[in-house]
Amino acid sequence: MKAAAVVDGYQVVNLPNATVRNFQRRTVFCPEGKGAIDGGAEAQGQDAVLVGSFPTDDGRGRIALGRQMRYSDLGISAYALCANR
């Protein structure tokens, strides 16, 4: 069995669920000196759909957005997997 690689400064940063308007972006950032190596998001609510989860342009975090078909707002939570730069 091969040992897992150690990621220097590995840290998970969570942006807890909050209600936002449809297609409003929520952004979670890594602490100073760290960059996002991965991440994700969740859309919460009846008929909620996660439209996107992608890195910020500077690589310091993750952006999440979603929508609901019958409502004008929904819950969005996001997280970033961070490591030392």
PDB file of N, CA and C in Angstrom:
ATOM      1  N   MET A   1       0.842  -1.168   0.000  1.00  0.00           N
ATOM      2  CA  MET A   1       0.000   0.000   0.000  1.00  0.00           C
ATOM      3  C   MET A   1       0.893   1.238   0.000  1.00  0.00           C
ATOM      4  N   LYS A   2       0.610   2.160  -0.869  1.00  0.00           N
ATOM      5  CA  LYS A   2       1.391   3.383  -1.001  1.00  0.00           C
ATOM      6  C   LYS A   2       0.908   4.425   0.013  1.00  0.00           C
ATOM      7  N   ALA A   3       1.848   5.110   0.672  1.00  0.00           N
ATOM      8  CA  ALA A   3       1.502   6.141   1.653  1.00  0.00           C
ATOM      9  C   ALA A   3       0.971   7.387   0.939  1.00  0.00           C
ATOM     10  N   ALA A   4       0.029   8.048   1.559  1.00  0.00           N
ATOM     11  CA  ALA A   4      -0.530   9.283   1.006  1.00  0.00           C
ATOM     12  C   ALA A   4       0.476  10.419   1.133  1.00  0.00           C
ATOM     13  N   ALA A   5       0.500  11.281   0.147  1.00  0.00           N
ATOM     14  CA  ALA A   5       1.387  12.440   0.175  1.00  0.00           C
ATOM     15  C   ALA A   5       0.894  13.442   1.218  1.00  0.00           C
ATOM     16  N   VAL A   6       1.843  14.083   1.872  1.00  0.00           N
ATOM     17  CA  VAL A   6       1.506  15.110   2.853  1.00  0.00           C
ATOM     18  C   VAL A   6       1.460  16.454   2.141  1.00  0.00           C
ATOM     19  N   VAL A   7       0.405  17.216   2.374  1.00  0.00           N
ATOM     20  CA  VAL A   7       0.251  18.537   1.769  1.00  0.00           C
ATOM     21  C   VAL A   7       0.640  19.569   2.823  1.00  0.00           C
ATOM     22  N   ASP A   8       1.640  20.380   2.515  1.00  0.00           N
ATOM     23  CA  ASP A   8       2.164  21.369   3.457  1.00  0.00           C
ATOM     24  C   ASP A   8       1.112  22.420   3.792  1.00  0.00           C
ATOM     25  N   GLY A   9       0.788  22.537   5.078  1.00  0.00           N
ATOM     26  CA  GLY A   9      -0.155  23.554   5.528  1.00  0.00           C
ATOM     27  C   GLY A   9      -1.604  23.265   5.197  1.00  0.00           C
ATOM     28  N   TYR A  10      -1.954  22.004   4.971  1.00  0.00           N
ATOM     29  CA  TYR A  10      -3.325  21.630   4.606  1.00  0.00           C
ATOM     30  C   TYR A  10      -4.329  22.155   5.622  1.00  0.00           C
ATOM     31  N   GLN A  11      -5.415  22.762   5.127  1.00  0.00           N
ATOM     32  CA  GLN A  11      -6.452  23.309   5.989  1.00  0.00           C
ATOM     33  C   GLN A  11      -7.761  23.380   5.203  1.00  0.00           C
ATOM     34  N   VAL A  12      -8.854  23.043   5.850  1.00  0.00           N
ATOM     35  CA  VAL A  12     -10.180  23.185   5.249  1.00  0.00           C
ATOM     36  C   VAL A  12     -10.829  24.437   5.839  1.00  0.00           C
ATOM     37  N   VAL A  13     -11.303  25.315   4.956  1.00  0.00           N
ATOM     38  CA  VAL A  13     -11.977  26.538   5.389  1.00  0.00           C
ATOM     39  C   VAL A  13     -13.425  26.456   4.920  1.00  0.00           C
ATOM     40  N   ASN A  14     -14.358  26.581   5.860  1.00  0.00           N
ATOM     41  CA  ASN A  14     -15.792  26.469   5.557  1.00  0.00           C
ATOM     42  C   ASN A  14     -16.482  27.820   5.591  1.00  0.00           C
ATOM     43  N   LEU A  15     -17.371  28.019   4.644  1.00  0.00           N
ATOM     44  CA  LEU A  15     -18.267  29.174   4.633  1.00  0.00           C
ATOM     45  C   LEU A  15     -19.646  28.591   4.917  1.00  0.00           C
ATOM     46  N   PRO A  16     -20.191  28.786   6.126  1.00  0.00           N
ATOM     47  CA  PRO A  16     -21.451  28.142   6.482  1.00  0.00           C
ATOM     48  C   PRO A  16     -22.623  28.597   5.615  1.00  0.00           C
ATOM     49  N   ASN A  17     -23.656  27.800   5.638  1.00  0.00           N
ATOM     50  CA  ASN A  17     -24.857  28.090   4.859  1.00  0.00           C
ATOM     51  C   ASN A  17     -25.404  29.479   5.184  1.00  0.00           C
ATOM     52  N   ALA A  18     -25.768  30.203   4.134  1.00  0.00           N
ATOM     53  CA  ALA A  18     -26.432  31.498   4.274  1.00  0.00           C
ATOM     54  C   ALA A  18     -27.413  31.653   3.113  1.00  0.00           C
ATOM     55  N   THR A  19     -28.493  32.345   3.361  1.00  0.00           N
ATOM     56  CA  THR A  19     -29.493  32.584   2.326  1.00  0.00           C
ATOM     57  C   THR A  19     -29.061  33.759   1.462  1.00  0.00           C
ATOM     58  N   VAL A  20     -29.066  33.532   0.142  1.00  0.00           N
ATOM     59  CA  VAL A  20     -28.686  34.563  -0.827  1.00  0.00           C
ATOM     60  C   VAL A  20     -29.691  34.557  -1.980  1.00  0.00           C
ATOM     61  N   ARG A  21     -29.664  35.568  -2.785  1.00  0.00           N
ATOM     62  CA  ARG A  21     -30.515  35.656  -3.974  1.00  0.00           C
ATOM     63  C   ARG A  21     -30.033  34.661  -5.023  1.00  0.00           C
ATOM     64  N   ASN A  22     -30.894  34.258  -5.924  1.00  0.00           N
ATOM     65  CA  ASN A  22     -30.494  33.383  -7.029  1.00  0.00           C
ATOM     66  C   ASN A  22     -29.305  33.992  -7.771  1.00  0.00           C
ATOM     67  N   PHE A  23     -28.334  33.158  -8.076  1.00  0.00           N
ATOM     68  CA  PHE A  23     -27.125  33.502  -8.833  1.00  0.00           C
ATOM     69  C   PHE A  23     -26.183  34.469  -8.113  1.00  0.00           C
ATOM     70  N   GLN A  24     -26.431  34.763  -6.837  1.00  0.00           N
ATOM     71  CA  GLN A  24     -25.495  35.595  -6.075  1.00  0.00           C
ATOM     72  C   GLN A  24     -24.298  34.736  -5.672  1.00  0.00           C
ATOM     73  N   ARG A  25     -23.099  35.234  -5.928  1.00  0.00           N
ATOM     74  CA  ARG A  25     -21.887  34.481  -5.612  1.00  0.00           C
ATOM     75  C   ARG A  25     -21.561  34.553  -4.124  1.00  0.00           C
ATOM     76  N   ARG A  26     -21.091  33.416  -3.604  1.00  0.00           N
ATOM     77  CA  ARG A  26     -20.521  33.361  -2.249  1.00  0.00           C
ATOM     78  C   ARG A  26     -19.086  32.920  -2.422  1.00  0.00           C
ATOM     79  N   THR A  27     -18.175  33.601  -1.755  1.00  0.00           N
ATOM     80  CA  THR A  27     -16.754  33.311  -1.916  1.00  0.00           C
ATOM     81  C   THR A  27     -16.116  33.007  -0.570  1.00  0.00           C
ATOM     82  N   VAL A  28     -15.376  31.918  -0.518  1.00  0.00           N
ATOM     83  CA  VAL A  28     -14.608  31.538   0.669  1.00  0.00           C
ATOM     84  C   VAL A  28     -13.127  31.669   0.309  1.00  0.00           C
ATOM     85  N   PHE A  29     -12.345  32.283   1.212  1.00  0.00           N
ATOM     86  CA  PHE A  29     -10.917  32.497   0.966  1.00  0.00           C
ATOM     87  C   PHE A  29     -10.065  31.715   1.941  1.00  0.00           C
ATOM     88  N   CYS A  30      -8.909  31.277   1.466  1.00  0.00           N
ATOM     89  CA  CYS A  30      -7.906  30.644   2.317  1.00  0.00           C
ATOM     90  C   CYS A  30      -7.200  31.732   3.127  1.00  0.00           C
ATOM     91  N   PRO A  31      -6.614  31.353   4.272  1.00  0.00           N
ATOM     92  CA  PRO A  31      -5.856  32.324   5.057  1.00  0.00           C
ATOM     93  C   PRO A  31      -4.656  32.856   4.266  1.00  0.00           C
ATOM     94  N   GLU A  32      -4.139  33.998   4.707  1.00  0.00           N
ATOM     95  CA  GLU A  32      -2.979  34.628   4.080  1.00  0.00           C
ATOM     96  C   GLU A  32      -1.837  33.617   3.929  1.00  0.00           C
ATOM     97  N   GLY A  33      -1.218  33.596   2.748  1.00  0.00           N
ATOM     98  CA  GLY A  33      -0.092  32.709   2.482  1.00  0.00           C
ATOM     99  C   GLY A  33      -0.476  31.330   1.973  1.00  0.00           C
ATOM    100  N   LYS A  34      -1.783  31.070   1.892  1.00  0.00           N
ATOM    101  CA  LYS A  34      -2.253  29.770   1.408  1.00  0.00           C
ATOM    102  C   LYS A  34      -3.081  29.957   0.151  1.00  0.00           C
ATOM    103  N   GLY A  35      -3.153  28.920  -0.651  1.00  0.00           N
ATOM    104  CA  GLY A  35      -3.970  28.918  -1.855  1.00  0.00           C
ATOM    105  C   GLY A  35      -4.926  27.750  -1.832  1.00  0.00           C
ATOM    106  N   ALA A  36      -5.997  27.862  -2.599  1.00  0.00           N
ATOM    107  CA  ALA A  36      -6.995  26.796  -2.681  1.00  0.00           C
ATOM    108  C   ALA A  36      -6.533  25.743  -3.680  1.00  0.00           C
ATOM    109  N   ILE A  37      -6.437  24.514  -3.226  1.00  0.00           N
ATOM    110  CA  ILE A  37      -6.058  23.414  -4.115  1.00  0.00           C
ATOM    111  C   ILE A  37      -7.285  22.643  -4.598  1.00  0.00           C
ATOM    112  N   ASP A  38      -8.426  22.881  -3.951  1.00  0.00           N
ATOM    113  CA  ASP A  38      -9.694  22.267  -4.343  1.00  0.00           C
ATOM    114  C   ASP A  38     -10.787  22.868  -3.467  1.00  0.00           C
ATOM    115  N   GLY A  39     -11.984  22.380  -3.611  1.00  0.00           N
ATOM    116  CA  GLY A  39     -13.084  22.867  -2.799  1.00  0.00           C
ATOM    117  C   GLY A  39     -14.407  22.445  -3.385  1.00  0.00           C
ATOM    118  N   GLY A  40     -15.470  22.982  -2.835  1.00  0.00           N
ATOM    119  CA  GLY A  40     -16.789  22.627  -3.318  1.00  0.00           C
ATOM    120  C   GLY A  40     -17.850  23.467  -2.654  1.00  0.00           C
ATOM    121  N   ALA A  41     -19.109  23.113  -2.910  1.00  0.00           N
ATOM    122  CA  ALA A  41     -20.223  23.887  -2.388  1.00  0.00           C
ATOM    123  C   ALA A  41     -21.475  23.024  -2.367  1.00  0.00           C
ATOM    124  N   GLU A  42     -22.493  23.554  -1.687  1.00  0.00           N
ATOM    125  CA  GLU A  42     -23.786  22.876  -1.624  1.00  0.00           C
ATOM    126  C   GLU A  42     -24.893  23.920  -1.714  1.00  0.00           C
ATOM    127  N   ALA A  43     -25.896  23.627  -2.520  1.00  0.00           N
ATOM    128  CA  ALA A  43     -27.104  24.450  -2.606  1.00  0.00           C
ATOM    129  C   ALA A  43     -28.170  23.786  -1.750  1.00  0.00           C
ATOM    130  N   GLN A  44     -28.851  24.577  -0.919  1.00  0.00           N
ATOM    131  CA  GLN A  44     -29.831  24.031   0.005  1.00  0.00           C
ATOM    132  C   GLN A  44     -31.169  24.731  -0.171  1.00  0.00           C
ATOM    133  N   GLY A  45     -32.225  23.947  -0.154  1.00  0.00           N
ATOM    134  CA  GLY A  45     -33.574  24.472  -0.289  1.00  0.00           C
ATOM    135  C   GLY A  45     -34.361  23.651  -1.284  1.00  0.00           C
ATOM    136  N   GLN A  46     -35.670  23.782  -1.221  1.00  0.00           N
ATOM    137  CA  GLN A  46     -36.531  23.043  -2.135  1.00  0.00           C
ATOM    138  C   GLN A  46     -36.223  23.453  -3.571  1.00  0.00           C
ATOM    139  N   ASP A  47     -35.928  22.497  -4.413  1.00  0.00           N
ATOM    140  CA  ASP A  47     -35.594  22.724  -5.825  1.00  0.00           C
ATOM    141  C   ASP A  47     -34.305  23.517  -6.029  1.00  0.00           C
ATOM    142  N   ALA A  48     -33.438  23.579  -5.020  1.00  0.00           N
ATOM    143  CA  ALA A  48     -32.171  24.301  -5.151  1.00  0.00           C
ATOM    144  C   ALA A  48     -31.205  23.530  -6.040  1.00  0.00           C
ATOM    145  N   VAL A  49     -30.484  24.257  -6.884  1.00  0.00           N
ATOM    146  CA  VAL A  49     -29.513  23.665  -7.795  1.00  0.00           C
ATOM    147  C   VAL A  49     -28.204  24.432  -7.672  1.00  0.00           C
ATOM    148  N   LEU A  50     -27.101  23.715  -7.490  1.00  0.00           N
ATOM    149  CA  LEU A  50     -25.786  24.342  -7.498  1.00  0.00           C
ATOM    150  C   LEU A  50     -25.414  24.610  -8.952  1.00  0.00           C
ATOM    151  N   VAL A  51     -25.270  25.865  -9.310  1.00  0.00           N
ATOM    152  CA  VAL A  51     -24.974  26.251 -10.690  1.00  0.00           C
ATOM    153  C   VAL A  51     -23.479  26.182 -10.960  1.00  0.00           C
ATOM    154  N   GLY A  52     -22.663  26.555  -9.971  1.00  0.00           N
ATOM    155  CA  GLY A  52     -21.221  26.525 -10.182  1.00  0.00           C
ATOM    156  C   GLY A  52     -20.446  26.534  -8.890  1.00  0.00           C
ATOM    157  N   SER A  53     -19.277  25.921  -8.933  1.00  0.00           N
ATOM    158  CA  SER A  53     -18.300  25.935  -7.853  1.00  0.00           C
ATOM    159  C   SER A  53     -16.949  25.941  -8.540  1.00  0.00           C
ATOM    160  N   PHE A  54     -16.214  27.047  -8.422  1.00  0.00           N
ATOM    161  CA  PHE A  54     -14.977  27.194  -9.180  1.00  0.00           C
ATOM    162  C   PHE A  54     -13.989  28.065  -8.418  1.00  0.00           C
ATOM    163  N   PRO A  55     -12.696  27.991  -8.782  1.00  0.00           N
ATOM    164  CA  PRO A  55     -11.679  28.766  -8.061  1.00  0.00           C
ATOM    165  C   PRO A  55     -11.780  30.266  -8.359  1.00  0.00           C
ATOM    166  N   THR A  56     -11.304  31.072  -7.410  1.00  0.00           N
ATOM    167  CA  THR A  56     -11.195  32.504  -7.656  1.00  0.00           C
ATOM    168  C   THR A  56     -10.072  32.733  -8.668  1.00  0.00           C
ATOM    169  N   ASP A  57     -10.088  33.877  -9.329  1.00  0.00           N
ATOM    170  CA  ASP A  57      -9.062  34.172 -10.339  1.00  0.00           C
ATOM    171  C   ASP A  57      -7.649  34.157  -9.768  1.00  0.00           C
ATOM    172  N   ASP A  58      -7.497  34.571  -8.505  1.00  0.00           N
ATOM    173  CA  ASP A  58      -6.160  34.623  -7.901  1.00  0.00           C
ATOM    174  C   ASP A  58      -5.759  33.316  -7.218  1.00  0.00           C
ATOM    175  N   GLY A  59      -6.642  32.304  -7.229  1.00  0.00           N
ATOM    176  CA  GLY A  59      -6.323  31.005  -6.652  1.00  0.00           C
ATOM    177  C   GLY A  59      -6.363  30.957  -5.133  1.00  0.00           C
ATOM    178  N   ARG A  60      -6.894  32.005  -4.506  1.00  0.00           N
ATOM    179  CA  ARG A  60      -6.922  32.064  -3.044  1.00  0.00           C
ATOM    180  C   ARG A  60      -8.206  31.502  -2.432  1.00  0.00           C
ATOM    181  N   GLY A  61      -9.174  31.106  -3.251  1.00  0.00           N
ATOM    182  CA  GLY A  61     -10.426  30.621  -2.686  1.00  0.00           C
ATOM    183  C   GLY A  61     -11.325  29.958  -3.715  1.00  0.00           C
ATOM    184  N   ARG A  62     -12.578  29.789  -3.315  1.00  0.00           N
ATOM    185  CA  ARG A  62     -13.594  29.171  -4.165  1.00  0.00           C
ATOM    186  C   ARG A  62     -14.828  30.050  -4.205  1.00  0.00           C
ATOM    187  N   ILE A  63     -15.517  30.019  -5.340  1.00  0.00           N
ATOM    188  CA  ILE A  63     -16.756  30.754  -5.553  1.00  0.00           C
ATOM    189  C   ILE A  63     -17.873  29.737  -5.772  1.00  0.00           C
ATOM    190  N   ALA A  64     -19.034  30.000  -5.191  1.00  0.00           N
ATOM    191  CA  ALA A  64     -20.186  29.122  -5.364  1.00  0.00           C
ATOM    192  C   ALA A  64     -21.416  29.962  -5.686  1.00  0.00           C
ATOM    193  N   LEU A  65     -22.284  29.429  -6.533  1.00  0.00           N
ATOM    194  CA  LEU A  65     -23.557  30.080  -6.799  1.00  0.00           C
ATOM    195  C   LEU A  65     -24.594  29.041  -7.184  1.00  0.00           C
ATOM    196  N   GLY A  66     -25.857  29.389  -6.951  1.00  0.00           N
ATOM    197  CA  GLY A  66     -26.942  28.467  -7.244  1.00  0.00           C
ATOM    198  C   GLY A  66     -28.221  29.216  -7.541  1.00  0.00           C
ATOM    199  N   ARG A  67     -29.290  28.430  -7.708  1.00  0.00           N
ATOM    200  CA  ARG A  67     -30.593  29.015  -7.995  1.00  0.00           C
ATOM    201  C   ARG A  67     -31.691  28.039  -7.593  1.00  0.00           C
ATOM    202  N   GLN A  68     -32.895  28.580  -7.485  1.00  0.00           N
ATOM    203  CA  GLN A  68     -34.104  27.779  -7.300  1.00  0.00           C
ATOM    204  C   GLN A  68     -35.094  28.167  -8.385  1.00  0.00           C
ATOM    205  N   MET A  69     -35.838  27.208  -8.854  1.00  0.00           N
ATOM    206  CA  MET A  69     -36.792  27.465  -9.938  1.00  0.00           C
ATOM    207  C   MET A  69     -37.987  28.303  -9.477  1.00  0.00           C
ATOM    208  N   ARG A  70     -38.546  27.997  -8.313  1.00  0.00           N
ATOM    209  CA  ARG A  70     -39.784  28.646  -7.882  1.00  0.00           C
ATOM    210  C   ARG A  70     -39.591  29.732  -6.831  1.00  0.00           C
ATOM    211  N   TYR A  71     -38.350  29.968  -6.417  1.00  0.00           N
ATOM    212  CA  TYR A  71     -38.076  30.936  -5.358  1.00  0.00           C
ATOM    213  C   TYR A  71     -36.945  31.858  -5.790  1.00  0.00           C
ATOM    214  N   SER A  72     -36.857  33.016  -5.165  1.00  0.00           N
ATOM    215  CA  SER A  72     -35.834  33.990  -5.556  1.00  0.00           C
ATOM    216  C   SER A  72     -34.580  33.904  -4.701  1.00  0.00           C
ATOM    217  N   ASP A  73     -34.569  32.996  -3.710  1.00  0.00           N
ATOM    218  CA  ASP A  73     -33.364  32.831  -2.905  1.00  0.00           C
ATOM    219  C   ASP A  73     -33.176  31.370  -2.511  1.00  0.00           C
ATOM    220  N   LEU A  74     -31.997  31.067  -1.973  1.00  0.00           N
ATOM    221  CA  LEU A  74     -31.645  29.713  -1.575  1.00  0.00           C
ATOM    222  C   LEU A  74     -30.482  29.779  -0.607  1.00  0.00           C
ATOM    223  N   GLY A  75     -30.157  28.644  -0.011  1.00  0.00           N
ATOM    224  CA  GLY A  75     -29.005  28.558   0.879  1.00  0.00           C
ATOM    225  C   GLY A  75     -27.790  28.061   0.115  1.00  0.00           C
ATOM    226  N   ILE A  76     -26.647  28.684   0.357  1.00  0.00           N
ATOM    227  CA  ILE A  76     -25.389  28.254  -0.262  1.00  0.00           C
ATOM    228  C   ILE A  76     -24.326  28.138   0.827  1.00  0.00           C
ATOM    229  N   SER A  77     -23.630  27.025   0.851  1.00  0.00           N
ATOM    230  CA  SER A  77     -22.446  26.860   1.692  1.00  0.00           C
ATOM    231  C   SER A  77     -21.292  26.483   0.766  1.00  0.00           C
ATOM    232  N   ALA A  78     -20.076  26.787   1.200  1.00  0.00           N
ATOM    233  CA  ALA A  78     -18.905  26.499   0.362  1.00  0.00           C
ATOM    234  C   ALA A  78     -17.715  26.163   1.252  1.00  0.00           C
ATOM    235  N   TYR A  79     -16.741  25.484   0.666  1.00  0.00           N
ATOM    236  CA  TYR A  79     -15.510  25.199   1.397  1.00  0.00           C
ATOM    237  C   TYR A  79     -14.328  25.234   0.429  1.00  0.00           C
ATOM    238  N   ALA A  80     -13.163  25.506   0.986  1.00  0.00           N
ATOM    239  CA  ALA A  80     -11.931  25.499   0.219  1.00  0.00           C
ATOM    240  C   ALA A  80     -10.923  24.598   0.920  1.00  0.00           C
ATOM    241  N   LEU A  81     -10.231  23.774   0.144  1.00  0.00           N
ATOM    242  CA  LEU A  81      -9.119  22.985   0.651  1.00  0.00           C
ATOM    243  C   LEU A  81      -7.862  23.805   0.371  1.00  0.00           C
ATOM    244  N   CYS A  82      -7.191  24.215   1.429  1.00  0.00           N
ATOM    245  CA  CYS A  82      -6.080  25.156   1.312  1.00  0.00           C
ATOM    246  C   CYS A  82      -4.747  24.480   1.623  1.00  0.00           C
ATOM    247  N   ALA A  83      -3.678  25.034   1.060  1.00  0.00           N
ATOM    248  CA  ALA A  83      -2.316  24.569   1.339  1.00  0.00           C
ATOM    249  C   ALA A  83      -1.370  25.761   1.210  1.00  0.00           C
ATOM    250  N   ASN A  84      -0.218  25.627   1.843  1.00  0.00           N
ATOM    251  CA  ASN A  84       0.788  26.690   1.754  1.00  0.00           C
ATOM    252  C   ASN A  84       1.184  26.922   0.306  1.00  0.00           C
ATOM    253  N   ARG A  85       1.437  28.167  -0.025  1.00  0.00           N
ATOM    254  CA  ARG A  85       1.865  28.508  -1.394  1.00  0.00           C
ATOM    255  C   ARG A  85       3.355  28.318  -1.531  1.00  0.00           C
TER     256      ARG A  85
END
